[in-house]
Amino acid sequence: MIDLRKAVYYEYIDDGVVEIFDKYKWGLRRLGVNFSQELLETIVYCSRNLENTLMAFCSWVLWLKSRGEKPNSDILSETLINALKSEIGWIPYDYQKDFLQQNLDILESPQVSLWKTAEKELGASLRNRVIADISEEGELIFKVNVLLTDDEREKIERFKIYIDQLFL
């Protein structure tokens, strides 16, 4: 995933900006935001209300999606750029904070999300025995030479199909 310090050439990028971006980047990606160079630079140069703007934006997109709307990624990116460039940014209302709170899983990295999904689908014991690692992009890396029963093998194959369908 995007490393803000490597993606934007700038003498000094505030650690706080990087921390906030890292907190929201997975959610923004899942919501359909296209990380153009212009958007990344706007984030770096955002002088105030970065986290509030990102929180309000994520809540707004989640609300649109809950109504069945499917916003275009270019429009989302342009809207976010305009929100970040506005004088005060977007200030989240209490209902937006609550809405985002109810959907916090959208902000999880693929590693955390897949780890939890694997536990739910395979059980903690089998997951821990067969999964060696999960890459930052969400690729499962399975251990080799693990002795499995036929039922466990079948369960893992169903899980792989399930995961493939999630990321279509």
C-alpha atoms as a PDB file:
ATOM      1  CA  MET A   1       0.000   0.000   0.000  1.00  0.00           C
ATOM      2  CA  ILE A   2       1.005   3.602  -0.302  1.00  0.00           C
ATOM      3  CA  ASP A   3       3.833   4.990   1.790  1.00  0.00           C
ATOM      4  CA  LEU A   4       3.059   8.711   1.881  1.00  0.00           C
ATOM      5  CA  ARG A   5       6.696   9.696   2.407  1.00  0.00           C
ATOM      6  CA  LYS A   6       7.775   7.805  -0.718  1.00  0.00           C
ATOM      7  CA  ALA A   7       4.774   8.795  -2.844  1.00  0.00           C
ATOM      8  CA  VAL A   8       5.139  12.553  -2.364  1.00  0.00           C
ATOM      9  CA  TYR A   9       8.458  14.303  -2.747  1.00  0.00           C
ATOM     10  CA  TYR A  10       8.545  16.963  -0.089  1.00  0.00           C
ATOM     11  CA  GLU A  11      11.341  18.039   2.250  1.00  0.00           C
ATOM     12  CA  TYR A  12       9.401  17.394   5.404  1.00  0.00           C
ATOM     13  CA  ILE A  13       6.173  15.471   5.910  1.00  0.00           C
ATOM     14  CA  ASP A  14       4.672  15.808   9.353  1.00  0.00           C
ATOM     15  CA  ASP A  15       4.591  12.527  11.313  1.00  0.00           C
ATOM     16  CA  GLY A  16       1.028  13.336  12.393  1.00  0.00           C
ATOM     17  CA  VAL A  17      -0.125  13.590   8.781  1.00  0.00           C
ATOM     18  CA  VAL A  18       1.468  10.231   7.975  1.00  0.00           C
ATOM     19  CA  GLU A  19      -0.124   8.643  11.054  1.00  0.00           C
ATOM     20  CA  ILE A  20      -3.583   9.957  10.159  1.00  0.00           C
ATOM     21  CA  PHE A  21      -3.205   8.901   6.507  1.00  0.00           C
ATOM     22  CA  ASP A  22      -2.107   5.405   7.554  1.00  0.00           C
ATOM     23  CA  LYS A  23      -5.163   5.146   9.803  1.00  0.00           C
ATOM     24  CA  TYR A  24      -7.605   5.967   6.971  1.00  0.00           C
ATOM     25  CA  LYS A  25      -5.871   4.766   3.777  1.00  0.00           C
ATOM     26  CA  TRP A  26      -7.387   1.272   3.801  1.00  0.00           C
ATOM     27  CA  GLY A  27     -10.868   2.634   4.403  1.00  0.00           C
ATOM     28  CA  LEU A  28     -10.461   5.177   1.628  1.00  0.00           C
ATOM     29  CA  ARG A  29      -9.237   2.457  -0.727  1.00  0.00           C
ATOM     30  CA  ARG A  30     -12.169   0.160   0.183  1.00  0.00           C
ATOM     31  CA  LEU A  31     -14.597   3.014  -0.357  1.00  0.00           C
ATOM     32  CA  GLY A  32     -13.275   3.495  -3.878  1.00  0.00           C
ATOM     33  CA  VAL A  33     -10.958   6.491  -3.628  1.00  0.00           C
ATOM     34  CA  ASN A  34      -8.304   6.649  -6.334  1.00  0.00           C
ATOM     35  CA  PHE A  35      -4.989   7.792  -4.821  1.00  0.00           C
ATOM     36  CA  SER A  36      -3.802  10.165  -7.521  1.00  0.00           C
ATOM     37  CA  GLN A  37      -0.635  12.180  -7.077  1.00  0.00           C
ATOM     38  CA  GLU A  38      -2.807  15.293  -6.679  1.00  0.00           C
ATOM     39  CA  LEU A  39      -4.774  13.715  -3.824  1.00  0.00           C
ATOM     40  CA  LEU A  40      -1.625  12.536  -2.026  1.00  0.00           C
ATOM     41  CA  GLU A  41      -0.055  15.989  -2.316  1.00  0.00           C
ATOM     42  CA  THR A  42      -3.270  17.593  -1.058  1.00  0.00           C
ATOM     43  CA  ILE A  43      -3.155  15.318   1.983  1.00  0.00           C
ATOM     44  CA  VAL A  44       0.466  16.243   2.690  1.00  0.00           C
ATOM     45  CA  TYR A  45      -0.263  19.974   2.349  1.00  0.00           C
ATOM     46  CA  CYS A  46      -3.521  19.840   4.327  1.00  0.00           C
ATOM     47  CA  SER A  47      -2.862  22.295   7.119  1.00  0.00           C
ATOM     48  CA  ARG A  48      -5.785  21.589   9.418  1.00  0.00           C
ATOM     49  CA  ASN A  49      -8.668  19.263  10.159  1.00  0.00           C
ATOM     50  CA  LEU A  50      -7.168  16.364   8.193  1.00  0.00           C
ATOM     51  CA  GLU A  51      -8.552  13.643  10.439  1.00  0.00           C
ATOM     52  CA  ASN A  52     -11.967  15.289  10.814  1.00  0.00           C
ATOM     53  CA  THR A  53     -12.220  15.711   7.052  1.00  0.00           C
ATOM     54  CA  LEU A  54     -11.266  12.081   6.417  1.00  0.00           C
ATOM     55  CA  MET A  55     -13.711  10.909   9.090  1.00  0.00           C
ATOM     56  CA  ALA A  56     -16.584  12.980   7.670  1.00  0.00           C
ATOM     57  CA  PHE A  57     -15.728  11.912   4.118  1.00  0.00           C
ATOM     58  CA  CYS A  58     -15.660   8.180   5.000  1.00  0.00           C
ATOM     59  CA  SER A  59     -18.967   8.540   6.840  1.00  0.00           C
ATOM     60  CA  TRP A  60     -20.511  10.330   3.878  1.00  0.00           C
ATOM     61  CA  VAL A  61     -19.416   7.630   1.402  1.00  0.00           C
ATOM     62  CA  LEU A  62     -20.633   4.860   3.742  1.00  0.00           C
ATOM     63  CA  TRP A  63     -23.969   6.660   3.981  1.00  0.00           C
ATOM     64  CA  LEU A  64     -24.194   6.897   0.173  1.00  0.00           C
ATOM     65  CA  LYS A  65     -23.424   3.188  -0.135  1.00  0.00           C
ATOM     66  CA  SER A  66     -26.004   2.321   2.541  1.00  0.00           C
ATOM     67  CA  ARG A  67     -28.575   4.008   0.273  1.00  0.00           C
ATOM     68  CA  GLY A  68     -27.501   1.815  -2.640  1.00  0.00           C
ATOM     69  CA  GLU A  69     -25.513   4.492  -4.449  1.00  0.00           C
ATOM     70  CA  LYS A  70     -22.217   3.561  -6.092  1.00  0.00           C
ATOM     71  CA  PRO A  71     -20.146   6.726  -6.426  1.00  0.00           C
ATOM     72  CA  ASN A  72     -17.511   6.896  -9.160  1.00  0.00           C
ATOM     73  CA  SER A  73     -13.930   6.694  -7.827  1.00  0.00           C
ATOM     74  CA  ASP A  74     -12.835   9.778  -9.772  1.00  0.00           C
ATOM     75  CA  ILE A  75     -15.732  11.796  -8.326  1.00  0.00           C
ATOM     76  CA  LEU A  76     -14.888  10.519  -4.829  1.00  0.00           C
ATOM     77  CA  SER A  77     -11.258  11.532  -5.237  1.00  0.00           C
ATOM     78  CA  GLU A  78     -12.175  14.974  -6.568  1.00  0.00           C
ATOM     79  CA  THR A  79     -14.668  15.495  -3.729  1.00  0.00           C
ATOM     80  CA  LEU A  80     -12.042  14.532  -1.165  1.00  0.00           C
ATOM     81  CA  ILE A  81      -9.496  16.896  -2.722  1.00  0.00           C
ATOM     82  CA  ASN A  82     -12.018  19.757  -2.567  1.00  0.00           C
ATOM     83  CA  ALA A  83     -12.896  18.900   1.044  1.00  0.00           C
ATOM     84  CA  LEU A  84      -9.223  18.913   2.042  1.00  0.00           C
ATOM     85  CA  LYS A  85      -8.597  22.216   0.253  1.00  0.00           C
ATOM     86  CA  SER A  86     -11.596  23.975   1.763  1.00  0.00           C
ATOM     87  CA  GLU A  87     -10.928  26.619   4.381  1.00  0.00           C
ATOM     88  CA  ILE A  88     -12.101  24.537   7.347  1.00  0.00           C
ATOM     89  CA  GLY A  89     -12.336  21.046   5.862  1.00  0.00           C
ATOM     90  CA  TRP A  90     -15.332  18.873   6.535  1.00  0.00           C
ATOM     91  CA  ILE A  91     -16.368  18.770  10.176  1.00  0.00           C
ATOM     92  CA  PRO A  92     -18.088  15.505  11.099  1.00  0.00           C
ATOM     93  CA  TYR A  93     -21.418  15.712  12.858  1.00  0.00           C
ATOM     94  CA  ASP A  94     -22.162  13.383  15.757  1.00  0.00           C
ATOM     95  CA  TYR A  95     -24.293  11.118  13.559  1.00  0.00           C
ATOM     96  CA  GLN A  96     -21.376  10.754  11.141  1.00  0.00           C
ATOM     97  CA  LYS A  97     -19.016   9.787  13.952  1.00  0.00           C
ATOM     98  CA  ASP A  98     -21.565   7.191  15.098  1.00  0.00           C
ATOM     99  CA  PHE A  99     -22.011   5.890  11.555  1.00  0.00           C
ATOM    100  CA  LEU A 100     -18.259   5.481  11.115  1.00  0.00           C
ATOM    101  CA  GLN A 101     -17.999   3.894  14.566  1.00  0.00           C
ATOM    102  CA  GLN A 102     -20.505   1.248  13.443  1.00  0.00           C
ATOM    103  CA  ASN A 103     -18.387   0.554  10.346  1.00  0.00           C
ATOM    104  CA  LEU A 104     -14.864   0.657  11.805  1.00  0.00           C
ATOM    105  CA  ASP A 105     -13.935  -2.580  10.052  1.00  0.00           C
ATOM    106  CA  ILE A 106     -13.680  -0.542   6.839  1.00  0.00           C
ATOM    107  CA  LEU A 107     -10.518   1.046   8.256  1.00  0.00           C
ATOM    108  CA  GLU A 108      -8.774  -2.273   8.990  1.00  0.00           C
ATOM    109  CA  SER A 109      -5.780  -3.289   6.946  1.00  0.00           C
ATOM    110  CA  PRO A 110      -6.210  -6.375   4.747  1.00  0.00           C
ATOM    111  CA  GLN A 111      -3.953  -8.279   7.146  1.00  0.00           C
ATOM    112  CA  VAL A 112      -6.208  -7.693  10.147  1.00  0.00           C
ATOM    113  CA  SER A 113      -9.374  -8.172   8.144  1.00  0.00           C
ATOM    114  CA  LEU A 114      -8.225 -11.474   6.607  1.00  0.00           C
ATOM    115  CA  TRP A 115      -6.865 -12.728   9.935  1.00  0.00           C
ATOM    116  CA  LYS A 116     -10.278 -12.192  11.526  1.00  0.00           C
ATOM    117  CA  THR A 117     -12.085 -13.719   8.543  1.00  0.00           C
ATOM    118  CA  ALA A 118      -9.800 -16.746   8.656  1.00  0.00           C
ATOM    119  CA  GLU A 119     -10.585 -17.243  12.328  1.00  0.00           C
ATOM    120  CA  LYS A 120     -14.310 -17.026  11.646  1.00  0.00           C
ATOM    121  CA  GLU A 121     -14.192 -19.416   8.666  1.00  0.00           C
ATOM    122  CA  LEU A 122     -11.473 -21.861   9.753  1.00  0.00           C
ATOM    123  CA  GLY A 123     -11.385 -21.520  13.515  1.00  0.00           C
ATOM    124  CA  ALA A 124      -8.423 -20.104  15.428  1.00  0.00           C
ATOM    125  CA  SER A 125      -6.597 -23.420  15.783  1.00  0.00           C
ATOM    126  CA  LEU A 126      -6.650 -24.363  12.081  1.00  0.00           C
ATOM    127  CA  ARG A 127      -5.916 -20.766  11.005  1.00  0.00           C
ATOM    128  CA  ASN A 128      -2.863 -20.643  13.260  1.00  0.00           C
ATOM    129  CA  ARG A 129      -1.609 -23.996  11.957  1.00  0.00           C
ATOM    130  CA  VAL A 130      -1.904 -23.236   8.232  1.00  0.00           C
ATOM    131  CA  ILE A 131      -1.439 -19.492   7.669  1.00  0.00           C
ATOM    132  CA  ALA A 132       2.187 -18.380   7.800  1.00  0.00           C
ATOM    133  CA  ASP A 133       1.630 -14.713   6.958  1.00  0.00           C
ATOM    134  CA  ILE A 134      -0.591 -12.190   5.223  1.00  0.00           C
ATOM    135  CA  SER A 135       1.043  -9.581   3.016  1.00  0.00           C
ATOM    136  CA  GLU A 136       0.184  -5.899   3.323  1.00  0.00           C
ATOM    137  CA  GLU A 137      -1.879  -6.204   0.142  1.00  0.00           C
ATOM    138  CA  GLY A 138      -3.878  -9.091   1.604  1.00  0.00           C
ATOM    139  CA  GLU A 139      -2.216 -12.116   0.025  1.00  0.00           C
ATOM    140  CA  LEU A 140      -2.433 -15.225   2.194  1.00  0.00           C
ATOM    141  CA  ILE A 141       0.797 -17.180   2.575  1.00  0.00           C
ATOM    142  CA  PHE A 142       0.174 -20.725   3.707  1.00  0.00           C
ATOM    143  CA  LYS A 143       2.624 -22.917   5.594  1.00  0.00           C
ATOM    144  CA  VAL A 144       3.930 -25.936   3.712  1.00  0.00           C
ATOM    145  CA  ASN A 145       4.064 -29.546   4.865  1.00  0.00           C
ATOM    146  CA  VAL A 146       1.282 -29.207   7.427  1.00  0.00           C
ATOM    147  CA  LEU A 147      -0.497 -32.480   8.130  1.00  0.00           C
ATOM    148  CA  LEU A 148      -4.220 -32.007   7.575  1.00  0.00           C
ATOM    149  CA  THR A 149      -7.257 -34.215   7.686  1.00  0.00           C
ATOM    150  CA  ASP A 150      -9.468 -34.450   4.614  1.00  0.00           C
ATOM    151  CA  ASP A 151     -12.068 -32.293   6.382  1.00  0.00           C
ATOM    152  CA  GLU A 152      -9.476 -29.608   7.147  1.00  0.00           C
ATOM    153  CA  ARG A 153      -8.200 -29.674   3.553  1.00  0.00           C
ATOM    154  CA  GLU A 154     -11.781 -29.278   2.302  1.00  0.00           C
ATOM    155  CA  LYS A 155     -12.393 -26.408   4.727  1.00  0.00           C
ATOM    156  CA  ILE A 156      -9.251 -24.615   3.526  1.00  0.00           C
ATOM    157  CA  GLU A 157     -10.233 -25.044  -0.135  1.00  0.00           C
ATOM    158  CA  ARG A 158     -13.695 -23.576   0.583  1.00  0.00           C
ATOM    159  CA  PHE A 159     -12.000 -20.723   2.450  1.00  0.00           C
ATOM    160  CA  LYS A 160      -9.720 -19.962  -0.527  1.00  0.00           C
ATOM    161  CA  ILE A 161     -12.746 -19.819  -2.832  1.00  0.00           C
ATOM    162  CA  TYR A 162     -14.569 -17.596  -0.339  1.00  0.00           C
ATOM    163  CA  ILE A 163     -11.612 -15.201  -0.145  1.00  0.00           C
ATOM    164  CA  ASP A 164     -11.266 -15.089  -3.945  1.00  0.00           C
ATOM    165  CA  GLN A 165     -14.941 -14.099  -4.192  1.00  0.00           C
ATOM    166  CA  LEU A 166     -14.509 -11.347  -1.594  1.00  0.00           C
ATOM    167  CA  PHE A 167     -11.858  -9.641  -3.697  1.00  0.00           C
ATOM    168  CA  LEU A 168     -13.535  -9.885  -7.124  1.00  0.00           C
END
